Amino acid sequence: MLLTDFEYLNNSEDAFKKKVSLQIKRLRRQNQVTQEKFYSETNINIARLESGKIDVRLDTLRKVCYYFDVSLSGFFQGIY
């Protein structure tokens, strides 16, 4: 079955959100940081980011990367 352009974009957008959320979760676990600790130190609810149900703002992603000492390009290299 062929997907329409809209269906393809919708599916690829959902897949991209999922990859971003999994990368955030991987970084947090790799650094052995709890969601509570991350929130107390950044005031960012990382559980919402890890759920993949919300769009992550670029500024928020920059703060996440800064916290875990990873560049934005390094963050996305982990996805692709």
N, C-alpha and C. Protein backbone atom coordinates (compact mmCIF):
# COMPACT_ATOMS: atom_id res chain seq x y z
N MET A 1 0.84 -1.17 0.00
CA MET A 1 0.00 0.00 0.00
C MET A 1 0.88 1.24 0.00
N LEU A 2 0.64 2.15 -0.91
CA LEU A 2 1.40 3.39 -0.99
C LEU A 2 0.80 4.43 -0.06
N LEU A 3 1.66 5.16 0.59
CA LEU A 3 1.20 6.22 1.49
C LEU A 3 1.09 7.53 0.73
N THR A 4 0.13 8.35 1.09
CA THR A 4 0.07 9.69 0.52
C THR A 4 1.20 10.50 1.12
N ASP A 5 1.49 11.65 0.51
CA ASP A 5 2.55 12.53 1.04
C ASP A 5 2.27 12.90 2.49
N PHE A 6 1.00 13.21 2.79
CA PHE A 6 0.65 13.59 4.15
C PHE A 6 0.85 12.43 5.12
N GLU A 7 0.45 11.24 4.74
CA GLU A 7 0.62 10.07 5.61
C GLU A 7 2.10 9.78 5.83
N TYR A 8 2.91 9.91 4.77
CA TYR A 8 4.35 9.67 4.90
C TYR A 8 4.96 10.68 5.86
N LEU A 9 4.61 11.96 5.69
CA LEU A 9 5.16 13.00 6.57
C LEU A 9 4.72 12.76 8.00
N ASN A 10 3.49 12.40 8.18
CA ASN A 10 2.99 12.12 9.52
C ASN A 10 3.75 10.96 10.15
N ASN A 11 3.93 9.88 9.41
CA ASN A 11 4.65 8.71 9.93
C ASN A 11 6.11 9.03 10.20
N SER A 12 6.76 9.76 9.30
CA SER A 12 8.17 10.06 9.49
C SER A 12 8.35 11.05 10.64
N GLU A 13 7.40 11.97 10.81
CA GLU A 13 7.48 12.92 11.92
C GLU A 13 7.35 12.18 13.26
N ASP A 14 6.42 11.24 13.34
CA ASP A 14 6.27 10.46 14.56
C ASP A 14 7.52 9.64 14.84
N ALA A 15 8.10 9.06 13.80
CA ALA A 15 9.32 8.27 13.97
C ALA A 15 10.47 9.15 14.45
N PHE A 16 10.57 10.36 13.91
CA PHE A 16 11.62 11.27 14.32
C PHE A 16 11.47 11.68 15.78
N LYS A 17 10.24 12.01 16.20
CA LYS A 17 9.98 12.35 17.60
C LYS A 17 10.40 11.20 18.51
N LYS A 18 10.07 9.99 18.10
CA LYS A 18 10.41 8.81 18.91
C LYS A 18 11.93 8.66 19.03
N LYS A 19 12.64 8.87 17.93
CA LYS A 19 14.11 8.77 17.96
C LYS A 19 14.71 9.82 18.88
N VAL A 20 14.19 11.04 18.81
CA VAL A 20 14.69 12.11 19.68
C VAL A 20 14.42 11.78 21.15
N SER A 21 13.22 11.32 21.44
CA SER A 21 12.89 10.99 22.83
C SER A 21 13.75 9.84 23.35
N LEU A 22 13.99 8.85 22.51
CA LEU A 22 14.84 7.72 22.94
C LEU A 22 16.28 8.15 23.14
N GLN A 23 16.76 9.09 22.33
CA GLN A 23 18.13 9.59 22.48
C GLN A 23 18.27 10.36 23.80
N ILE A 24 17.27 11.15 24.14
CA ILE A 24 17.29 11.88 25.41
C ILE A 24 17.32 10.90 26.58
N LYS A 25 16.49 9.89 26.50
CA LYS A 25 16.44 8.87 27.56
C LYS A 25 17.77 8.12 27.66
N ARG A 26 18.37 7.79 26.51
CA ARG A 26 19.65 7.10 26.50
C ARG A 26 20.73 7.94 27.17
N LEU A 27 20.76 9.23 26.87
CA LEU A 27 21.75 10.12 27.48
C LEU A 27 21.58 10.19 28.99
N ARG A 28 20.33 10.29 29.43
CA ARG A 28 20.07 10.38 30.86
C ARG A 28 20.50 9.11 31.58
N ARG A 29 20.15 7.97 31.01
CA ARG A 29 20.53 6.70 31.65
C ARG A 29 22.03 6.46 31.60
N GLN A 30 22.63 6.81 30.48
CA GLN A 30 24.08 6.64 30.32
C GLN A 30 24.84 7.45 31.36
N ASN A 31 24.29 8.60 31.71
CA ASN A 31 24.92 9.47 32.72
C ASN A 31 24.41 9.21 34.13
N GLN A 32 23.57 8.19 34.27
CA GLN A 32 23.03 7.76 35.56
C GLN A 32 22.38 8.92 36.32
N VAL A 33 21.52 9.63 35.61
CA VAL A 33 20.79 10.76 36.19
C VAL A 33 19.32 10.37 36.26
N THR A 34 18.72 10.56 37.41
CA THR A 34 17.29 10.29 37.54
C THR A 34 16.50 11.45 36.94
N GLN A 35 15.25 11.17 36.62
CA GLN A 35 14.38 12.24 36.12
C GLN A 35 14.23 13.33 37.16
N GLU A 36 14.14 12.94 38.42
CA GLU A 36 13.98 13.90 39.50
C GLU A 36 15.21 14.81 39.63
N LYS A 37 16.39 14.20 39.56
CA LYS A 37 17.62 14.99 39.67
C LYS A 37 17.73 15.96 38.50
N PHE A 38 17.43 15.48 37.30
CA PHE A 38 17.49 16.35 36.12
C PHE A 38 16.55 17.53 36.29
N TYR A 39 15.34 17.26 36.75
CA TYR A 39 14.36 18.33 36.94
C TYR A 39 14.84 19.33 37.99
N SER A 40 15.36 18.83 39.10
CA SER A 40 15.78 19.73 40.18
C SER A 40 16.95 20.61 39.75
N GLU A 41 17.78 20.12 38.84
CA GLU A 41 18.95 20.89 38.41
C GLU A 41 18.69 21.77 37.18
N THR A 42 17.64 21.47 36.42
CA THR A 42 17.39 22.22 35.18
C THR A 42 16.00 22.85 35.10
N ASN A 43 15.10 22.39 35.93
CA ASN A 43 13.70 22.81 35.88
C ASN A 43 13.03 22.41 34.56
N ILE A 44 13.54 21.35 33.94
CA ILE A 44 12.98 20.79 32.71
C ILE A 44 12.41 19.42 33.04
N ASN A 45 11.16 19.21 32.69
CA ASN A 45 10.51 17.92 32.93
C ASN A 45 10.93 16.95 31.83
N ILE A 46 11.99 16.20 32.09
CA ILE A 46 12.54 15.31 31.08
C ILE A 46 11.62 14.12 30.80
N ALA A 47 10.76 13.78 31.74
CA ALA A 47 9.81 12.69 31.52
C ALA A 47 8.90 13.02 30.34
N ARG A 48 8.50 14.28 30.24
CA ARG A 48 7.66 14.71 29.11
C ARG A 48 8.43 14.62 27.80
N LEU A 49 9.72 14.94 27.83
CA LEU A 49 10.54 14.84 26.62
C LEU A 49 10.73 13.38 26.21
N GLU A 50 10.95 12.53 27.21
CA GLU A 50 11.18 11.12 26.94
C GLU A 50 9.93 10.39 26.47
N SER A 51 8.78 10.96 26.72
CA SER A 51 7.54 10.31 26.29
C SER A 51 7.37 10.38 24.78
N GLY A 52 7.97 11.38 24.15
CA GLY A 52 7.86 11.53 22.71
C GLY A 52 6.53 12.07 22.25
N LYS A 53 5.71 12.51 23.18
CA LYS A 53 4.37 12.98 22.84
C LYS A 53 4.31 14.49 22.62
N ILE A 54 5.41 15.17 22.92
CA ILE A 54 5.43 16.62 22.73
C ILE A 54 6.57 16.98 21.79
N ASP A 55 6.45 18.12 21.17
CA ASP A 55 7.53 18.63 20.34
C ASP A 55 8.57 19.27 21.26
N VAL A 56 9.82 18.93 21.03
CA VAL A 56 10.91 19.48 21.84
C VAL A 56 11.37 20.77 21.18
N ARG A 57 11.33 21.84 21.94
CA ARG A 57 11.82 23.12 21.42
C ARG A 57 13.34 23.05 21.29
N LEU A 58 13.85 23.75 20.31
CA LEU A 58 15.29 23.76 20.06
C LEU A 58 16.05 24.28 21.28
N ASP A 59 15.53 25.30 21.93
CA ASP A 59 16.18 25.84 23.11
C ASP A 59 16.25 24.80 24.23
N THR A 60 15.18 24.04 24.39
CA THR A 60 15.16 22.99 25.41
C THR A 60 16.16 21.90 25.06
N LEU A 61 16.21 21.51 23.80
CA LEU A 61 17.16 20.49 23.38
C LEU A 61 18.60 20.97 23.59
N ARG A 62 18.84 22.25 23.34
CA ARG A 62 20.18 22.81 23.57
C ARG A 62 20.56 22.70 25.04
N LYS A 63 19.59 22.96 25.93
CA LYS A 63 19.86 22.86 27.37
C LYS A 63 20.12 21.42 27.79
N VAL A 64 19.37 20.48 27.21
CA VAL A 64 19.58 19.06 27.50
C VAL A 64 20.99 18.66 27.07
N CYS A 65 21.37 19.07 25.87
CA CYS A 65 22.70 18.73 25.36
C CYS A 65 23.80 19.35 26.22
N TYR A 66 23.60 20.60 26.65
CA TYR A 66 24.58 21.26 27.51
C TYR A 66 24.73 20.51 28.83
N TYR A 67 23.62 20.11 29.40
CA TYR A 67 23.63 19.39 30.67
C TYR A 67 24.44 18.10 30.56
N PHE A 68 24.25 17.37 29.45
CA PHE A 68 24.94 16.10 29.28
C PHE A 68 26.26 16.24 28.53
N ASP A 69 26.69 17.48 28.29
CA ASP A 69 27.96 17.78 27.65
C ASP A 69 28.10 17.08 26.28
N VAL A 70 27.07 17.27 25.46
CA VAL A 70 27.10 16.73 24.11
C VAL A 70 26.66 17.85 23.16
N SER A 71 27.30 17.93 22.00
CA SER A 71 26.92 18.95 21.03
C SER A 71 25.60 18.56 20.36
N LEU A 72 24.94 19.52 19.75
CA LEU A 72 23.72 19.21 19.01
C LEU A 72 24.02 18.25 17.87
N SER A 73 25.15 18.46 17.20
CA SER A 73 25.49 17.54 16.10
C SER A 73 25.77 16.14 16.65
N GLY A 74 26.40 16.06 17.79
CA GLY A 74 26.64 14.77 18.42
C GLY A 74 25.35 14.10 18.84
N PHE A 75 24.40 14.88 19.30
CA PHE A 75 23.10 14.35 19.68
C PHE A 75 22.43 13.69 18.47
N PHE A 76 22.43 14.39 17.35
CA PHE A 76 21.77 13.85 16.17
C PHE A 76 22.56 12.75 15.48
N GLN A 77 23.87 12.71 15.68
CA GLN A 77 24.66 11.59 15.16
C GLN A 77 24.23 10.29 15.82
N GLY A 78 23.81 10.39 17.07
CA GLY A 78 23.33 9.21 17.78
C GLY A 78 22.01 8.70 17.26
N ILE A 79 21.32 9.52 16.48
CA ILE A 79 20.02 9.14 15.94
C ILE A 79 20.18 8.54 14.54
N TYR A 80 21.06 9.12 13.74
CA TYR A 80 21.20 8.67 12.35
C TYR A 80 22.53 8.02 12.11
